PDB file of N, CA and C in Angstrom:
ATOM      1  N   UNK A   1     110.044  64.254 132.854  1.00  0.00           N
ATOM      2  CA  UNK A   1     111.211  64.279 132.008  1.00  0.00           C
ATOM      3  C   UNK A   1     112.416  63.780 132.784  1.00  0.00           C
ATOM      4  N   UNK A   2     113.232  63.004 132.085  1.00  0.00           N
ATOM      5  CA  UNK A   2     114.457  62.540 132.709  1.00  0.00           C
ATOM      6  C   UNK A   2     115.610  63.360 132.151  1.00  0.00           C
ATOM      7  N   UNK A   3     116.532  63.709 133.021  1.00  0.00           N
ATOM      8  CA  UNK A   3     117.677  64.476 132.518  1.00  0.00           C
ATOM      9  C   UNK A   3     118.522  63.595 131.597  1.00  0.00           C
ATOM     10  N   UNK A   4     119.146  64.236 130.621  1.00  0.00           N
ATOM     11  CA  UNK A   4     120.016  63.491 129.715  1.00  0.00           C
ATOM     12  C   UNK A   4     121.250  63.018 130.456  1.00  0.00           C
ATOM     13  N   UNK A   5     121.655  61.803 130.146  1.00  0.00           N
ATOM     14  CA  UNK A   5     122.861  61.260 130.740  1.00  0.00           C
ATOM     15  C   UNK A   5     124.060  61.927 130.083  1.00  0.00           C
ATOM     16  N   UNK A   6     124.981  62.462 130.868  1.00  0.00           N
ATOM     17  CA  UNK A   6     126.144  63.104 130.265  1.00  0.00           C
ATOM     18  C   UNK A   6     126.992  62.072 129.522  1.00  0.00           C
ATOM     19  N   UNK A   7     127.627  62.530 128.462  1.00  0.00           N
ATOM     20  CA  UNK A   7     128.487  61.644 127.683  1.00  0.00           C
ATOM     21  C   UNK A   7     129.784  61.371 128.435  1.00  0.00           C
ATOM     22  N   UNK A   8     130.269  60.156 128.288  1.00  0.00           N
ATOM     23  CA  UNK A   8     131.574  59.832 128.861  1.00  0.00           C
ATOM     24  C   UNK A   8     132.645  60.540 128.041  1.00  0.00           C
ATOM     25  N   UNK A   9     133.857  60.575 128.568  1.00  0.00           N
ATOM     26  CA  UNK A   9     134.961  61.224 127.858  1.00  0.00           C
ATOM     27  C   UNK A   9     135.194  60.542 126.511  1.00  0.00           C
ATOM     28  N   UNK A  10     135.117  59.226 126.478  1.00  0.00           N
ATOM     29  CA  UNK A  10     135.305  58.493 125.222  1.00  0.00           C
ATOM     30  C   UNK A  10     134.214  58.853 124.226  1.00  0.00           C
ATOM     31  N   UNK A  11     132.969  58.927 124.691  1.00  0.00           N
ATOM     32  CA  UNK A  11     131.865  59.304 123.809  1.00  0.00           C
ATOM     33  C   UNK A  11     132.031  60.728 123.300  1.00  0.00           C
ATOM     34  N   UNK A  12     132.521  61.626 124.155  1.00  0.00           N
ATOM     35  CA  UNK A  12     132.756  63.006 123.738  1.00  0.00           C
ATOM     36  C   UNK A  12     133.839  63.060 122.655  1.00  0.00           C
ATOM     37  N   UNK A  13     134.924  62.300 122.848  1.00  0.00           N
ATOM     38  CA  UNK A  13     136.005  62.269 121.861  1.00  0.00           C
ATOM     39  C   UNK A  13     135.504  61.679 120.551  1.00  0.00           C
ATOM     40  N   UNK A  14     134.712  60.594 120.624  1.00  0.00           N
ATOM     41  CA  UNK A  14     134.166  59.979 119.416  1.00  0.00           C
ATOM     42  C   UNK A  14     133.253  60.957 118.686  1.00  0.00           C
ATOM     43  N   UNK A  15     132.398  61.648 119.425  1.00  0.00           N
ATOM     44  CA  UNK A  15     131.472  62.603 118.820  1.00  0.00           C
ATOM     45  C   UNK A  15     132.249  63.753 118.173  1.00  0.00           C
ATOM     46  N   UNK A  16     133.283  64.222 118.848  1.00  0.00           N
ATOM     47  CA  UNK A  16     134.102  65.304 118.312  1.00  0.00           C
ATOM     48  C   UNK A  16     134.812  64.850 117.045  1.00  0.00           C
ATOM     49  N   UNK A  17     135.367  63.645 117.058  1.00  0.00           N
ATOM     50  CA  UNK A  17     136.060  63.106 115.890  1.00  0.00           C
ATOM     51  C   UNK A  17     135.095  62.980 114.713  1.00  0.00           C
ATOM     52  N   UNK A  18     133.900  62.441 114.972  1.00  0.00           N
ATOM     53  CA  UNK A  18     132.923  62.276 113.898  1.00  0.00           C
ATOM     54  C   UNK A  18     132.480  63.623 113.349  1.00  0.00           C
ATOM     55  N   UNK A  19     132.303  64.605 114.220  1.00  0.00           N
ATOM     56  CA  UNK A  19     131.924  65.934 113.758  1.00  0.00           C
ATOM     57  C   UNK A  19     133.024  66.533 112.895  1.00  0.00           C
ATOM     58  N   UNK A  20     134.279  66.414 113.337  1.00  0.00           N
ATOM     59  CA  UNK A  20     135.407  66.920 112.562  1.00  0.00           C
ATOM     60  C   UNK A  20     135.483  66.220 111.207  1.00  0.00           C
ATOM     61  N   UNK A  21     135.222  64.921 111.200  1.00  0.00           N
ATOM     62  CA  UNK A  21     135.252  64.156 109.957  1.00  0.00           C
ATOM     63  C   UNK A  21     134.158  64.624 109.009  1.00  0.00           C
ATOM     64  N   UNK A  22     132.963  64.854 109.534  1.00  0.00           N
ATOM     65  CA  UNK A  22     131.856  65.326 108.693  1.00  0.00           C
ATOM     66  C   UNK A  22     132.167  66.705 108.113  1.00  0.00           C
ATOM     67  N   UNK A  23     132.735  67.571 108.922  1.00  0.00           N
ATOM     68  CA  UNK A  23     133.104  68.905 108.438  1.00  0.00           C
ATOM     69  C   UNK A  23     134.143  68.783 107.328  1.00  0.00           C
ATOM     70  N   UNK A  24     135.146  67.946 107.552  1.00  0.00           N
ATOM     71  CA  UNK A  24     136.185  67.742 106.543  1.00  0.00           C
ATOM     72  C   UNK A  24     135.577  67.176 105.253  1.00  0.00           C
ATOM     73  N   UNK A  25     134.630  66.249 105.370  1.00  0.00           N
ATOM     74  CA  UNK A  25     133.972  65.691 104.191  1.00  0.00           C
ATOM     75  C   UNK A  25     133.239  66.775 103.411  1.00  0.00           C
ATOM     76  N   UNK A  26     132.540  67.661 104.116  1.00  0.00           N
ATOM     77  CA  UNK A  26     131.821  68.746 103.443  1.00  0.00           C
ATOM     78  C   UNK A  26     132.797  69.683 102.731  1.00  0.00           C
ATOM     79  N   UNK A  27     133.873  70.030 103.407  1.00  0.00           N
ATOM     80  CA  UNK A  27     134.854  70.936 102.794  1.00  0.00           C
ATOM     81  C   UNK A  27     135.499  70.300 101.566  1.00  0.00           C
ATOM     82  N   UNK A  28     135.843  69.020 101.671  1.00  0.00           N
ATOM     83  CA  UNK A  28     136.459  68.323 100.544  1.00  0.00           C
ATOM     84  C   UNK A  28     135.480  68.211  99.386  1.00  0.00           C
ATOM     85  N   UNK A  29     134.222  67.898  99.679  1.00  0.00           N
ATOM     86  CA  UNK A  29     133.203  67.838  98.630  1.00  0.00           C
ATOM     87  C   UNK A  29     133.090  69.190  97.928  1.00  0.00           C
ATOM     88  N   UNK A  30     133.119  70.272  98.699  1.00  0.00           N
ATOM     89  CA  UNK A  30     133.023  71.615  98.116  1.00  0.00           C
ATOM     90  C   UNK A  30     134.215  71.901  97.204  1.00  0.00           C
ATOM     91  N   UNK A  31     135.408  71.504  97.630  1.00  0.00           N
ATOM     92  CA  UNK A  31     136.601  71.710  96.798  1.00  0.00           C
ATOM     93  C   UNK A  31     136.488  70.930  95.499  1.00  0.00           C
ATOM     94  N   UNK A  32     136.013  69.689  95.585  1.00  0.00           N
ATOM     95  CA  UNK A  32     135.847  68.876  94.383  1.00  0.00           C
ATOM     96  C   UNK A  32     134.811  69.488  93.448  1.00  0.00           C
ATOM     97  N   UNK A  33     133.717  70.015  94.011  1.00  0.00           N
ATOM     98  CA  UNK A  33     132.686  70.631  93.182  1.00  0.00           C
ATOM     99  C   UNK A  33     133.213  71.899  92.500  1.00  0.00           C
ATOM    100  N   UNK A  34     134.052  72.660  93.205  1.00  0.00           N
ATOM    101  CA  UNK A  34     134.656  73.845  92.592  1.00  0.00           C
ATOM    102  C   UNK A  34     135.562  73.453  91.428  1.00  0.00           C
ATOM    103  N   UNK A  35     136.336  72.387  91.613  1.00  0.00           N
ATOM    104  CA  UNK A  35     137.197  71.906  90.531  1.00  0.00           C
ATOM    105  C   UNK A  35     136.362  71.406  89.357  1.00  0.00           C
ATOM    106  N   UNK A  36     135.288  70.702  89.656  1.00  0.00           N
ATOM    107  CA  UNK A  36     134.407  70.213  88.596  1.00  0.00           C
ATOM    108  C   UNK A  36     133.833  71.379  87.796  1.00  0.00           C
ATOM    109  N   UNK A  37     133.397  72.421  88.492  1.00  0.00           N
ATOM    110  CA  UNK A  37     132.846  73.587  87.801  1.00  0.00           C
ATOM    111  C   UNK A  37     133.896  74.232  86.901  1.00  0.00           C
ATOM    112  N   UNK A  38     135.125  74.319  87.402  1.00  0.00           N
ATOM    113  CA  UNK A  38     136.213  74.904  86.609  1.00  0.00           C
ATOM    114  C   UNK A  38     136.431  74.093  85.331  1.00  0.00           C
ATOM    115  N   UNK A  39     136.486  72.775  85.456  1.00  0.00           N
ATOM    116  CA  UNK A  39     136.732  71.938  84.283  1.00  0.00           C
ATOM    117  C   UNK A  39     135.532  71.901  83.336  1.00  0.00           C
ATOM    118  N   UNK A  40     134.311  71.994  83.866  1.00  0.00           N
ATOM    119  CA  UNK A  40     133.143  72.082  82.985  1.00  0.00           C
ATOM    120  C   UNK A  40     133.192  73.379  82.168  1.00  0.00           C
ATOM    121  N   UNK A  41     133.578  74.476  82.811  1.00  0.00           N
ATOM    122  CA  UNK A  41     133.696  75.756  82.106  1.00  0.00           C
ATOM    123  C   UNK A  41     134.782  75.680  81.044  1.00  0.00           C
ATOM    124  N   UNK A  42     135.914  75.072  81.405  1.00  0.00           N
ATOM    125  CA  UNK A  42     136.990  74.911  80.428  1.00  0.00           C
ATOM    126  C   UNK A  42     136.536  74.056  79.255  1.00  0.00           C
ATOM    127  N   UNK A  43     135.809  72.983  79.539  1.00  0.00           N
ATOM    128  CA  UNK A  43     135.317  72.114  78.468  1.00  0.00           C
ATOM    129  C   UNK A  43     134.419  72.897  77.521  1.00  0.00           C
ATOM    130  N   UNK A  44     133.521  73.708  78.078  1.00  0.00           N
ATOM    131  CA  UNK A  44     132.628  74.508  77.237  1.00  0.00           C
ATOM    132  C   UNK A  44     133.428  75.457  76.351  1.00  0.00           C
ATOM    133  N   UNK A  45     134.442  76.085  76.927  1.00  0.00           N
ATOM    134  CA  UNK A  45     135.275  77.009  76.154  1.00  0.00           C
ATOM    135  C   UNK A  45     136.008  76.281  75.031  1.00  0.00           C
ATOM    136  N   UNK A  46     136.576  75.106  75.344  1.00  0.00           N
ATOM    137  CA  UNK A  46     137.274  74.328  74.317  1.00  0.00           C
ATOM    138  C   UNK A  46     136.325  73.901  73.206  1.00  0.00           C
ATOM    139  N   UNK A  47     135.161  73.383  73.581  1.00  0.00           N
ATOM    140  CA  UNK A  47     134.193  72.962  72.573  1.00  0.00           C
ATOM    141  C   UNK A  47     133.759  74.137  71.701  1.00  0.00           C
ATOM    142  N   UNK A  48     133.551  75.285  72.329  1.00  0.00           N
ATOM    143  CA  UNK A  48     133.131  76.462  71.580  1.00  0.00           C
ATOM    144  C   UNK A  48     134.202  76.882  70.575  1.00  0.00           C
ATOM    145  N   UNK A  49     135.466  76.687  70.949  1.00  0.00           N
ATOM    146  CA  UNK A  49     136.572  77.042  70.055  1.00  0.00           C
ATOM    147  C   UNK A  49     136.837  75.955  69.016  1.00  0.00           C
ATOM    148  N   UNK A  50     136.077  74.849  69.098  1.00  0.00           N
ATOM    149  CA  UNK A  50     136.269  73.763  68.143  1.00  0.00           C
ATOM    150  C   UNK A  50     137.339  72.768  68.545  1.00  0.00           C
ATOM    151  N   UNK A  51     137.866  72.894  69.737  1.00  0.00           N
ATOM    152  CA  UNK A  51     138.918  71.985  70.229  1.00  0.00           C
ATOM    153  C   UNK A  51     138.259  70.839  71.001  1.00  0.00           C
ATOM    154  N   UNK A  52     137.867  69.816  70.261  1.00  0.00           N
ATOM    155  CA  UNK A  52     137.119  68.715  70.870  1.00  0.00           C
ATOM    156  C   UNK A  52     137.998  67.778  71.708  1.00  0.00           C
ATOM    157  N   UNK A  53     139.269  67.715  71.410  1.00  0.00           N
ATOM    158  CA  UNK A  53     140.171  66.861  72.192  1.00  0.00           C
ATOM    159  C   UNK A  53     140.311  67.404  73.608  1.00  0.00           C
ATOM    160  N   UNK A  54     140.665  68.679  73.725  1.00  0.00           N
ATOM    161  CA  UNK A  54     140.795  69.279  75.056  1.00  0.00           C
ATOM    162  C   UNK A  54     139.436  69.422  75.732  1.00  0.00           C
ATOM    163  N   UNK A  55     138.387  69.618  74.951  1.00  0.00           N
ATOM    164  CA  UNK A  55     137.046  69.678  75.518  1.00  0.00           C
ATOM    165  C   UNK A  55     136.665  68.367  76.174  1.00  0.00           C
ATOM    166  N   UNK A  56     136.958  67.270  75.487  1.00  0.00           N
ATOM    167  CA  UNK A  56     136.650  65.946  76.048  1.00  0.00           C
ATOM    168  C   UNK A  56     137.493  65.666  77.282  1.00  0.00           C
ATOM    169  N   UNK A  57     138.759  66.054  77.240  1.00  0.00           N
ATOM    170  CA  UNK A  57     139.642  65.837  78.396  1.00  0.00           C
ATOM    171  C   UNK A  57     139.149  66.623  79.608  1.00  0.00           C
ATOM    172  N   UNK A  58     138.792  67.873  79.400  1.00  0.00           N
ATOM    173  CA  UNK A  58     138.287  68.694  80.508  1.00  0.00           C
ATOM    174  C   UNK A  58     136.964  68.152  81.027  1.00  0.00           C
ATOM    175  N   UNK A  59     136.129  67.666  80.132  1.00  0.00           N
ATOM    176  CA  UNK A  59     134.851  67.091  80.544  1.00  0.00           C
ATOM    177  C   UNK A  59     135.058  65.858  81.413  1.00  0.00           C
ATOM    178  N   UNK A  60     136.001  65.004  81.038  1.00  0.00           N
ATOM    179  CA  UNK A  60     136.292  63.814  81.844  1.00  0.00           C
ATOM    180  C   UNK A  60     136.854  64.184  83.209  1.00  0.00           C
ATOM    181  N   UNK A  61     137.705  65.201  83.245  1.00  0.00           N
ATOM    182  CA  UNK A  61     138.232  65.663  84.537  1.00  0.00           C
ATOM    183  C   UNK A  61     137.097  66.184  85.415  1.00  0.00           C
ATOM    184  N   UNK A  62     136.190  66.935  84.816  1.00  0.00           N
ATOM    185  CA  UNK A  62     135.043  67.453  85.570  1.00  0.00           C
ATOM    186  C   UNK A  62     134.217  66.306  86.132  1.00  0.00           C
ATOM    187  N   UNK A  63     133.971  65.299  85.321  1.00  0.00           N
ATOM    188  CA  UNK A  63     133.189  64.151  85.786  1.00  0.00           C
ATOM    189  C   UNK A  63     133.903  63.415  86.923  1.00  0.00           C
ATOM    190  N   UNK A  64     135.224  63.317  86.834  1.00  0.00           N
ATOM    191  CA  UNK A  64     135.986  62.683  87.909  1.00  0.00           C
ATOM    192  C   UNK A  64     135.853  63.429  89.217  1.00  0.00           C
ATOM    193  N   UNK A  65     135.956  64.761  89.153  1.00  0.00           N
ATOM    194  CA  UNK A  65     135.798  65.558  90.374  1.00  0.00           C
ATOM    195  C   UNK A  65     134.377  65.466  90.916  1.00  0.00           C
ATOM    196  N   UNK A  66     133.395  65.400  90.026  1.00  0.00           N
ATOM    197  CA  UNK A  66     132.009  65.228  90.481  1.00  0.00           C
ATOM    198  C   UNK A  66     131.865  63.903  91.226  1.00  0.00           C
ATOM    199  N   UNK A  67     132.456  62.856  90.685  1.00  0.00           N
ATOM    200  CA  UNK A  67     132.385  61.536  91.324  1.00  0.00           C
ATOM    201  C   UNK A  67     133.011  61.581  92.721  1.00  0.00           C
ATOM    202  N   UNK A  68     134.170  62.225  92.840  1.00  0.00           N
ATOM    203  CA  UNK A  68     134.823  62.320  94.150  1.00  0.00           C
ATOM    204  C   UNK A  68     133.976  63.123  95.128  1.00  0.00           C
ATOM    205  N   UNK A  69     133.330  64.187  94.651  1.00  0.00           N
ATOM    206  CA  UNK A  69     132.456  64.984  95.518  1.00  0.00           C
ATOM    207  C   UNK A  69     131.278  64.142  95.997  1.00  0.00           C
ATOM    208  N   UNK A  70     130.694  63.358  95.100  1.00  0.00           N
ATOM    209  CA  UNK A  70     129.567  62.512  95.481  1.00  0.00           C
ATOM    210  C   UNK A  70     129.976  61.472  96.517  1.00  0.00           C
ATOM    211  N   UNK A  71     131.202  60.974  96.426  1.00  0.00           N
ATOM    212  CA  UNK A  71     131.688  60.007  97.420  1.00  0.00           C
ATOM    213  C   UNK A  71     131.764  60.656  98.799  1.00  0.00           C
ATOM    214  N   UNK A  72     132.247  61.885  98.862  1.00  0.00           N
ATOM    215  CA  UNK A  72     132.324  62.587 100.149  1.00  0.00           C
ATOM    216  C   UNK A  72     130.922  62.856 100.692  1.00  0.00           C
ATOM    217  N   UNK A  73     130.009  63.250  99.823  1.00  0.00           N
ATOM    218  CA  UNK A  73     128.637  63.497 100.250  1.00  0.00           C
ATOM    219  C   UNK A  73     127.976  62.202 100.719  1.00  0.00           C
ATOM    220  N   UNK A  74     128.288  61.099 100.044  1.00  0.00           N
ATOM    221  CA  UNK A  74     127.712  59.805 100.425  1.00  0.00           C
ATOM    222  C   UNK A  74     128.209  59.376 101.800  1.00  0.00           C
ATOM    223  N   UNK A  75     129.456  59.685 102.119  1.00  0.00           N
ATOM    224  CA  UNK A  75     129.996  59.340 103.435  1.00  0.00           C
ATOM    225  C   UNK A  75     129.196  60.054 104.524  1.00  0.00           C
ATOM    226  N   UNK A  76     128.878  61.320 104.312  1.00  0.00           N
ATOM    227  CA  UNK A  76     128.067  62.059 105.294  1.00  0.00           C
ATOM    228  C   UNK A  76     126.646  61.521 105.334  1.00  0.00           C
ATOM    229  N   UNK A  77     126.067  61.232 104.187  1.00  0.00           N
ATOM    230  CA  UNK A  77     124.701  60.718 104.149  1.00  0.00           C
ATOM    231  C   UNK A  77     124.611  59.380 104.882  1.00  0.00           C
ATOM    232  N   UNK A  78     125.628  58.555 104.722  1.00  0.00           N
ATOM    233  CA  UNK A  78     125.646  57.256 105.407  1.00  0.00           C
ATOM    234  C   UNK A  78     125.679  57.468 106.920  1.00  0.00           C
ATOM    235  N   UNK A  79     126.508  58.404 107.380  1.00  0.00           N
ATOM    236  CA  UNK A  79     126.576  58.678 108.802  1.00  0.00           C
ATOM    237  C   UNK A  79     125.204  59.126 109.322  1.00  0.00           C
ATOM    238  N   UNK A  80     124.595  60.091 108.626  1.00  0.00           N
ATOM    239  CA  UNK A  80     123.300  60.615 109.076  1.00  0.00           C
ATOM    240  C   UNK A  80     122.228  59.533 109.069  1.00  0.00           C
ATOM    241  N   UNK A  81     122.265  58.651 108.081  1.00  0.00           N
ATOM    242  CA  UNK A  81     121.275  57.573 108.014  1.00  0.00           C
ATOM    243  C   UNK A  81     121.413  56.609 109.191  1.00  0.00           C
ATOM    244  N   UNK A  82     122.637  56.378 109.612  1.00  0.00           N
ATOM    245  CA  UNK A  82     122.894  55.415 110.675  1.00  0.00           C
ATOM    246  C   UNK A  82     122.786  56.002 112.078  1.00  0.00           C
ATOM    247  N   UNK A  83     123.063  57.297 112.234  1.00  0.00           N
ATOM    248  CA  UNK A  83     123.218  57.864 113.563  1.00  0.00           C
ATOM    249  C   UNK A  83     122.276  59.016 113.913  1.00  0.00           C
ATOM    250  N   UNK A  84     121.535  59.519 112.984  1.00  0.00           N
ATOM    251  CA  UNK A  84     120.690  60.687 113.291  1.00  0.00           C
ATOM    252  C   UNK A  84     119.220  60.360 113.180  1.00  0.00           C
TER     253      UNK A  84
END
């Protein structure tokens, strides 16, 4: 077995930055998913009350937040595909 070569300071900073970025992406994705869930629940409530205008608006907002969450998740998936 060969010992692992220690990372240079630049490599350590890059690795730390990428890790911080991945963590931030996960947290942001989670926030977007929470917002999406809130708007999906609101849409269901509006539709149940017969308010199709606000139901549709809430549904579109939920879909927008889902899209943003998927973008954050895709950024992490791309990193893992390329580097792990």
